[in-house]
């Protein structure tokens, strides 16, 4: 498991990744957390290195992977 990684994003507070399961967990600045399923490692790597994690999330993760709200 990678994480949690804190970000300087105005949208994302932190995120973590479980490569064996392809599970990406994102905690938003609002306090809500979601898990995204079947996320490939290259998408996690892109999120980790993105200058704007929130923009990367919107372009590459949001509405592209199934998800579940954690809290």
PDB file of N, CA and C in Angstrom:
ATOM      1  N   UNK A   1       0.854  -1.182   0.000  1.00  0.00           N
ATOM      2  CA  UNK A   1       0.000   0.000   0.000  1.00  0.00           C
ATOM      3  C   UNK A   1       0.889   1.231   0.000  1.00  0.00           C
ATOM      4  N   UNK A   2       0.515   2.169  -0.827  1.00  0.00           N
ATOM      5  CA  UNK A   2       1.196   3.460  -0.876  1.00  0.00           C
ATOM      6  C   UNK A   2       0.307   4.483  -0.191  1.00  0.00           C
ATOM      7  N   UNK A   3       0.858   5.205   0.769  1.00  0.00           N
ATOM      8  CA  UNK A   3       0.083   6.304   1.282  1.00  0.00           C
ATOM      9  C   UNK A   3      -0.060   6.261   2.781  1.00  0.00           C
ATOM     10  N   UNK A   4      -0.857   7.145   3.338  1.00  0.00           N
ATOM     11  CA  UNK A   4      -1.495   8.212   2.576  1.00  0.00           C
ATOM     12  C   UNK A   4      -0.505   9.316   2.224  1.00  0.00           C
ATOM     13  N   UNK A   5      -0.675   9.856   1.053  1.00  0.00           N
ATOM     14  CA  UNK A   5       0.149  10.965   0.596  1.00  0.00           C
ATOM     15  C   UNK A   5      -0.656  12.245   0.756  1.00  0.00           C
ATOM     16  N   UNK A   6      -0.122  13.185   1.498  1.00  0.00           N
ATOM     17  CA  UNK A   6      -0.775  14.475   1.659  1.00  0.00           C
ATOM     18  C   UNK A   6      -0.469  15.329   0.449  1.00  0.00           C
ATOM     19  N   UNK A   7      -1.419  16.140   0.031  1.00  0.00           N
ATOM     20  CA  UNK A   7      -1.211  16.967  -1.154  1.00  0.00           C
ATOM     21  C   UNK A   7      -1.434  18.439  -0.819  1.00  0.00           C
ATOM     22  N   UNK A   8      -0.825  19.325  -1.601  1.00  0.00           N
ATOM     23  CA  UNK A   8      -1.076  20.760  -1.429  1.00  0.00           C
ATOM     24  C   UNK A   8      -2.312  21.207  -2.211  1.00  0.00           C
ATOM     25  N   UNK A   9      -3.156  20.274  -2.597  1.00  0.00           N
ATOM     26  CA  UNK A   9      -4.316  20.555  -3.435  1.00  0.00           C
ATOM     27  C   UNK A   9      -5.425  21.253  -2.658  1.00  0.00           C
ATOM     28  N   UNK A  10      -6.172  22.083  -3.356  1.00  0.00           N
ATOM     29  CA  UNK A  10      -7.345  22.707  -2.747  1.00  0.00           C
ATOM     30  C   UNK A  10      -8.539  21.759  -2.779  1.00  0.00           C
ATOM     31  N   UNK A  11      -8.432  20.650  -3.514  1.00  0.00           N
ATOM     32  CA  UNK A  11      -9.524  19.691  -3.658  1.00  0.00           C
ATOM     33  C   UNK A  11      -9.253  18.408  -2.868  1.00  0.00           C
ATOM     34  N   UNK A  12      -8.046  17.887  -2.977  1.00  0.00           N
ATOM     35  CA  UNK A  12      -7.693  16.598  -2.380  1.00  0.00           C
ATOM     36  C   UNK A  12      -6.805  16.806  -1.163  1.00  0.00           C
ATOM     37  N   UNK A  13      -7.203  16.206  -0.045  1.00  0.00           N
ATOM     38  CA  UNK A  13      -6.404  16.295   1.186  1.00  0.00           C
ATOM     39  C   UNK A  13      -5.296  15.238   1.180  1.00  0.00           C
ATOM     40  N   UNK A  14      -5.661  13.985   0.843  1.00  0.00           N
ATOM     41  CA  UNK A  14      -4.677  12.903   0.810  1.00  0.00           C
ATOM     42  C   UNK A  14      -5.206  11.776  -0.067  1.00  0.00           C
ATOM     43  N   UNK A  15      -4.298  10.867  -0.434  1.00  0.00           N
ATOM     44  CA  UNK A  15      -4.711   9.683  -1.180  1.00  0.00           C
ATOM     45  C   UNK A  15      -3.742   8.552  -0.906  1.00  0.00           C
ATOM     46  N   UNK A  16      -4.221   7.334  -1.111  1.00  0.00           N
ATOM     47  CA  UNK A  16      -3.394   6.143  -0.941  1.00  0.00           C
ATOM     48  C   UNK A  16      -3.773   5.145  -2.026  1.00  0.00           C
ATOM     49  N   UNK A  17      -2.902   4.163  -2.220  1.00  0.00           N
ATOM     50  CA  UNK A  17      -3.098   3.213  -3.314  1.00  0.00           C
ATOM     51  C   UNK A  17      -2.663   1.826  -2.889  1.00  0.00           C
ATOM     52  N   UNK A  18      -3.454   0.836  -3.223  1.00  0.00           N
ATOM     53  CA  UNK A  18      -3.141  -0.570  -3.008  1.00  0.00           C
ATOM     54  C   UNK A  18      -2.953  -1.217  -4.379  1.00  0.00           C
ATOM     55  N   UNK A  19      -1.697  -1.351  -4.824  1.00  0.00           N
ATOM     56  CA  UNK A  19      -1.449  -1.825  -6.189  1.00  0.00           C
ATOM     57  C   UNK A  19      -1.952  -3.239  -6.467  1.00  0.00           C
ATOM     58  N   UNK A  20      -1.927  -4.110  -5.471  1.00  0.00           N
ATOM     59  CA  UNK A  20      -2.396  -5.485  -5.699  1.00  0.00           C
ATOM     60  C   UNK A  20      -3.881  -5.548  -6.018  1.00  0.00           C
ATOM     61  N   UNK A  21      -4.615  -4.585  -5.497  1.00  0.00           N
ATOM     62  CA  UNK A  21      -6.065  -4.541  -5.709  1.00  0.00           C
ATOM     63  C   UNK A  21      -6.484  -3.455  -6.690  1.00  0.00           C
ATOM     64  N   UNK A  22      -5.564  -2.570  -7.049  1.00  0.00           N
ATOM     65  CA  UNK A  22      -5.924  -1.442  -7.903  1.00  0.00           C
ATOM     66  C   UNK A  22      -6.885  -0.498  -7.210  1.00  0.00           C
ATOM     67  N   UNK A  23      -6.768  -0.405  -5.896  1.00  0.00           N
ATOM     68  CA  UNK A  23      -7.694   0.396  -5.086  1.00  0.00           C
ATOM     69  C   UNK A  23      -7.049   1.730  -4.722  1.00  0.00           C
ATOM     70  N   UNK A  24      -7.684   2.796  -5.155  1.00  0.00           N
ATOM     71  CA  UNK A  24      -7.243   4.157  -4.876  1.00  0.00           C
ATOM     72  C   UNK A  24      -8.230   4.778  -3.896  1.00  0.00           C
ATOM     73  N   UNK A  25      -7.724   5.269  -2.770  1.00  0.00           N
ATOM     74  CA  UNK A  25      -8.570   5.925  -1.778  1.00  0.00           C
ATOM     75  C   UNK A  25      -8.194   7.401  -1.759  1.00  0.00           C
ATOM     76  N   UNK A  26      -9.196   8.248  -1.920  1.00  0.00           N
ATOM     77  CA  UNK A  26      -8.968   9.692  -1.929  1.00  0.00           C
ATOM     78  C   UNK A  26      -9.807  10.334  -0.839  1.00  0.00           C
ATOM     79  N   UNK A  27      -9.140  11.150  -0.008  1.00  0.00           N
ATOM     80  CA  UNK A  27      -9.836  11.960   0.972  1.00  0.00           C
ATOM     81  C   UNK A  27      -9.828  13.392   0.451  1.00  0.00           C
ATOM     82  N   UNK A  28     -11.003  13.949   0.321  1.00  0.00           N
ATOM     83  CA  UNK A  28     -11.143  15.301  -0.195  1.00  0.00           C
ATOM     84  C   UNK A  28     -11.071  16.314   0.943  1.00  0.00           C
ATOM     85  N   UNK A  29     -10.796  17.557   0.609  1.00  0.00           N
ATOM     86  CA  UNK A  29     -10.706  18.616   1.607  1.00  0.00           C
ATOM     87  C   UNK A  29     -12.016  18.771   2.381  1.00  0.00           C
ATOM     88  N   UNK A  30     -13.111  18.356   1.782  1.00  0.00           N
ATOM     89  CA  UNK A  30     -14.422  18.429   2.440  1.00  0.00           C
ATOM     90  C   UNK A  30     -14.542  17.444   3.596  1.00  0.00           C
ATOM     91  N   UNK A  31     -13.618  16.454   3.647  1.00  0.00           N
ATOM     92  CA  UNK A  31     -13.678  15.421   4.676  1.00  0.00           C
ATOM     93  C   UNK A  31     -14.257  14.117   4.171  1.00  0.00           C
ATOM     94  N   UNK A  32     -14.875  14.120   2.995  1.00  0.00           N
ATOM     95  CA  UNK A  32     -15.415  12.886   2.401  1.00  0.00           C
ATOM     96  C   UNK A  32     -14.278  12.064   1.808  1.00  0.00           C
ATOM     97  N   UNK A  33     -14.415  10.746   1.924  1.00  0.00           N
ATOM     98  CA  UNK A  33     -13.434   9.834   1.329  1.00  0.00           C
ATOM     99  C   UNK A  33     -14.144   8.852   0.408  1.00  0.00           C
ATOM    100  N   UNK A  34     -13.480   8.537  -0.686  1.00  0.00           N
ATOM    101  CA  UNK A  34     -14.007   7.583  -1.657  1.00  0.00           C
ATOM    102  C   UNK A  34     -12.921   6.599  -2.024  1.00  0.00           C
ATOM    103  N   UNK A  35     -13.343   5.366  -2.331  1.00  0.00           N
ATOM    104  CA  UNK A  35     -12.416   4.383  -2.868  1.00  0.00           C
ATOM    105  C   UNK A  35     -12.795   4.125  -4.320  1.00  0.00           C
ATOM    106  N   UNK A  36     -11.784   4.063  -5.166  1.00  0.00           N
ATOM    107  CA  UNK A  36     -11.960   3.831  -6.601  1.00  0.00           C
ATOM    108  C   UNK A  36     -11.332   2.480  -6.923  1.00  0.00           C
ATOM    109  N   UNK A  37     -12.012   1.699  -7.750  1.00  0.00           N
ATOM    110  CA  UNK A  37     -11.624   0.315  -8.004  1.00  0.00           C
ATOM    111  C   UNK A  37     -11.006   0.127  -9.387  1.00  0.00           C
ATOM    112  N   UNK A  38     -10.093  -0.841  -9.466  1.00  0.00           N
ATOM    113  CA  UNK A  38      -9.443  -1.224 -10.727  1.00  0.00           C
ATOM    114  C   UNK A  38      -8.686  -0.069 -11.370  1.00  0.00           C
ATOM    115  N   UNK A  39      -8.040   0.733 -10.546  1.00  0.00           N
ATOM    116  CA  UNK A  39      -7.249   1.862 -11.029  1.00  0.00           C
ATOM    117  C   UNK A  39      -5.843   1.359 -11.346  1.00  0.00           C
ATOM    118  N   UNK A  40      -5.380   1.520 -12.580  1.00  0.00           N
ATOM    119  CA  UNK A  40      -4.049   1.034 -12.957  1.00  0.00           C
ATOM    120  C   UNK A  40      -2.927   1.819 -12.262  1.00  0.00           C
ATOM    121  N   UNK A  41      -1.774   1.180 -12.078  1.00  0.00           N
ATOM    122  CA  UNK A  41      -0.647   1.837 -11.418  1.00  0.00           C
ATOM    123  C   UNK A  41      -0.203   3.132 -12.093  1.00  0.00           C
ATOM    124  N   UNK A  42      -0.307   3.208 -13.414  1.00  0.00           N
ATOM    125  CA  UNK A  42       0.138   4.431 -14.094  1.00  0.00           C
ATOM    126  C   UNK A  42      -0.764   5.627 -13.774  1.00  0.00           C
ATOM    127  N   UNK A  43      -2.025   5.371 -13.494  1.00  0.00           N
ATOM    128  CA  UNK A  43      -2.932   6.451 -13.101  1.00  0.00           C
ATOM    129  C   UNK A  43      -2.543   6.962 -11.709  1.00  0.00           C
ATOM    130  N   UNK A  44      -2.239   6.041 -10.787  1.00  0.00           N
ATOM    131  CA  UNK A  44      -1.772   6.454  -9.466  1.00  0.00           C
ATOM    132  C   UNK A  44      -0.471   7.240  -9.580  1.00  0.00           C
ATOM    133  N   UNK A  45       0.452   6.768 -10.395  1.00  0.00           N
ATOM    134  CA  UNK A  45       1.733   7.468 -10.570  1.00  0.00           C
ATOM    135  C   UNK A  45       1.507   8.873 -11.116  1.00  0.00           C
ATOM    136  N   UNK A  46       0.589   9.002 -12.060  1.00  0.00           N
ATOM    137  CA  UNK A  46       0.271  10.319 -12.611  1.00  0.00           C
ATOM    138  C   UNK A  46      -0.332  11.249 -11.573  1.00  0.00           C
ATOM    139  N   UNK A  47      -1.213  10.712 -10.742  1.00  0.00           N
ATOM    140  CA  UNK A  47      -1.811  11.516  -9.681  1.00  0.00           C
ATOM    141  C   UNK A  47      -0.746  11.968  -8.690  1.00  0.00           C
ATOM    142  N   UNK A  48       0.144  11.061  -8.350  1.00  0.00           N
ATOM    143  CA  UNK A  48       1.206  11.360  -7.378  1.00  0.00           C
ATOM    144  C   UNK A  48       2.150  12.447  -7.888  1.00  0.00           C
ATOM    145  N   UNK A  49       2.394  12.465  -9.187  1.00  0.00           N
ATOM    146  CA  UNK A  49       3.355  13.428  -9.732  1.00  0.00           C
ATOM    147  C   UNK A  49       2.708  14.654 -10.391  1.00  0.00           C
ATOM    148  N   UNK A  50       1.406  14.710 -10.395  1.00  0.00           N
ATOM    149  CA  UNK A  50       0.709  15.822 -11.055  1.00  0.00           C
ATOM    150  C   UNK A  50       0.945  17.142 -10.333  1.00  0.00           C
ATOM    151  N   UNK A  51       1.186  18.220 -11.094  1.00  0.00           N
ATOM    152  CA  UNK A  51       1.318  19.532 -10.468  1.00  0.00           C
ATOM    153  C   UNK A  51       0.014  19.968  -9.787  1.00  0.00           C
ATOM    154  N   UNK A  52      -1.110  19.510 -10.329  1.00  0.00           N
ATOM    155  CA  UNK A  52      -2.414  19.806  -9.739  1.00  0.00           C
ATOM    156  C   UNK A  52      -3.175  18.491  -9.575  1.00  0.00           C
ATOM    157  N   UNK A  53      -3.089  17.851  -8.389  1.00  0.00           N
ATOM    158  CA  UNK A  53      -3.790  16.586  -8.192  1.00  0.00           C
ATOM    159  C   UNK A  53      -5.294  16.680  -8.443  1.00  0.00           C
ATOM    160  N   UNK A  54      -5.904  17.798  -8.090  1.00  0.00           N
ATOM    161  CA  UNK A  54      -7.339  17.959  -8.314  1.00  0.00           C
ATOM    162  C   UNK A  54      -7.696  17.949  -9.790  1.00  0.00           C
ATOM    163  N   UNK A  55      -6.914  18.643 -10.600  1.00  0.00           N
ATOM    164  CA  UNK A  55      -7.154  18.657 -12.048  1.00  0.00           C
ATOM    165  C   UNK A  55      -6.914  17.282 -12.651  1.00  0.00           C
ATOM    166  N   UNK A  56      -5.857  16.613 -12.205  1.00  0.00           N
ATOM    167  CA  UNK A  56      -5.567  15.271 -12.704  1.00  0.00           C
ATOM    168  C   UNK A  56      -6.708  14.316 -12.334  1.00  0.00           C
ATOM    169  N   UNK A  57      -7.170  14.395 -11.107  1.00  0.00           N
ATOM    170  CA  UNK A  57      -8.290  13.572 -10.671  1.00  0.00           C
ATOM    171  C   UNK A  57      -9.509  13.793 -11.569  1.00  0.00           C
ATOM    172  N   UNK A  58      -9.845  15.052 -11.809  1.00  0.00           N
ATOM    173  CA  UNK A  58     -11.019  15.357 -12.640  1.00  0.00           C
ATOM    174  C   UNK A  58     -10.869  14.832 -14.066  1.00  0.00           C
ATOM    175  N   UNK A  59      -9.667  14.887 -14.607  1.00  0.00           N
ATOM    176  CA  UNK A  59      -9.443  14.466 -15.995  1.00  0.00           C
ATOM    177  C   UNK A  59      -9.258  12.961 -16.144  1.00  0.00           C
ATOM    178  N   UNK A  60      -8.667  12.293 -15.149  1.00  0.00           N
ATOM    179  CA  UNK A  60      -8.253  10.905 -15.317  1.00  0.00           C
ATOM    180  C   UNK A  60      -8.923   9.877 -14.417  1.00  0.00           C
ATOM    181  N   UNK A  61      -9.578  10.321 -13.337  1.00  0.00           N
ATOM    182  CA  UNK A  61     -10.165   9.353 -12.392  1.00  0.00           C
ATOM    183  C   UNK A  61     -11.670   9.526 -12.290  1.00  0.00           C
ATOM    184  N   UNK A  62     -12.103  10.727 -12.036  1.00  0.00           N
ATOM    185  CA  UNK A  62     -13.526  11.008 -11.837  1.00  0.00           C
ATOM    186  C   UNK A  62     -14.346  10.527 -13.025  1.00  0.00           C
ATOM    187  N   UNK A  63     -15.409   9.816 -12.730  1.00  0.00           N
ATOM    188  CA  UNK A  63     -16.346   9.290 -13.742  1.00  0.00           C
ATOM    189  C   UNK A  63     -15.720   8.258 -14.675  1.00  0.00           C
ATOM    190  N   UNK A  64     -14.528   7.738 -14.360  1.00  0.00           N
ATOM    191  CA  UNK A  64     -13.895   6.726 -15.204  1.00  0.00           C
ATOM    192  C   UNK A  64     -13.780   5.372 -14.515  1.00  0.00           C
ATOM    193  N   UNK A  65     -13.861   5.363 -13.189  1.00  0.00           N
ATOM    194  CA  UNK A  65     -13.717   4.126 -12.422  1.00  0.00           C
ATOM    195  C   UNK A  65     -14.887   3.996 -11.463  1.00  0.00           C
ATOM    196  N   UNK A  66     -15.267   2.752 -11.198  1.00  0.00           N
ATOM    197  CA  UNK A  66     -16.327   2.558 -10.211  1.00  0.00           C
ATOM    198  C   UNK A  66     -15.789   2.953  -8.843  1.00  0.00           C
ATOM    199  N   UNK A  67     -16.680   3.388  -7.969  1.00  0.00           N
ATOM    200  CA  UNK A  67     -16.243   3.909  -6.679  1.00  0.00           C
ATOM    201  C   UNK A  67     -17.307   3.665  -5.618  1.00  0.00           C
ATOM    202  N   UNK A  68     -16.890   3.875  -4.388  1.00  0.00           N
ATOM    203  CA  UNK A  68     -17.792   3.767  -3.251  1.00  0.00           C
ATOM    204  C   UNK A  68     -17.395   4.840  -2.238  1.00  0.00           C
ATOM    205  N   UNK A  69     -18.364   5.471  -1.636  1.00  0.00           N
ATOM    206  CA  UNK A  69     -18.076   6.465  -0.606  1.00  0.00           C
ATOM    207  C   UNK A  69     -17.761   5.756   0.700  1.00  0.00           C
ATOM    208  N   UNK A  70     -16.686   6.176   1.345  1.00  0.00           N
ATOM    209  CA  UNK A  70     -16.286   5.578   2.622  1.00  0.00           C
ATOM    210  C   UNK A  70     -16.881   6.352   3.793  1.00  0.00           C
ATOM    211  N   UNK A  71     -16.793   7.657   3.765  1.00  0.00           N
ATOM    212  CA  UNK A  71     -17.403   8.519   4.788  1.00  0.00           C
ATOM    213  C   UNK A  71     -17.394   9.953   4.331  1.00  0.00           C
TER     214      UNK A  71
END
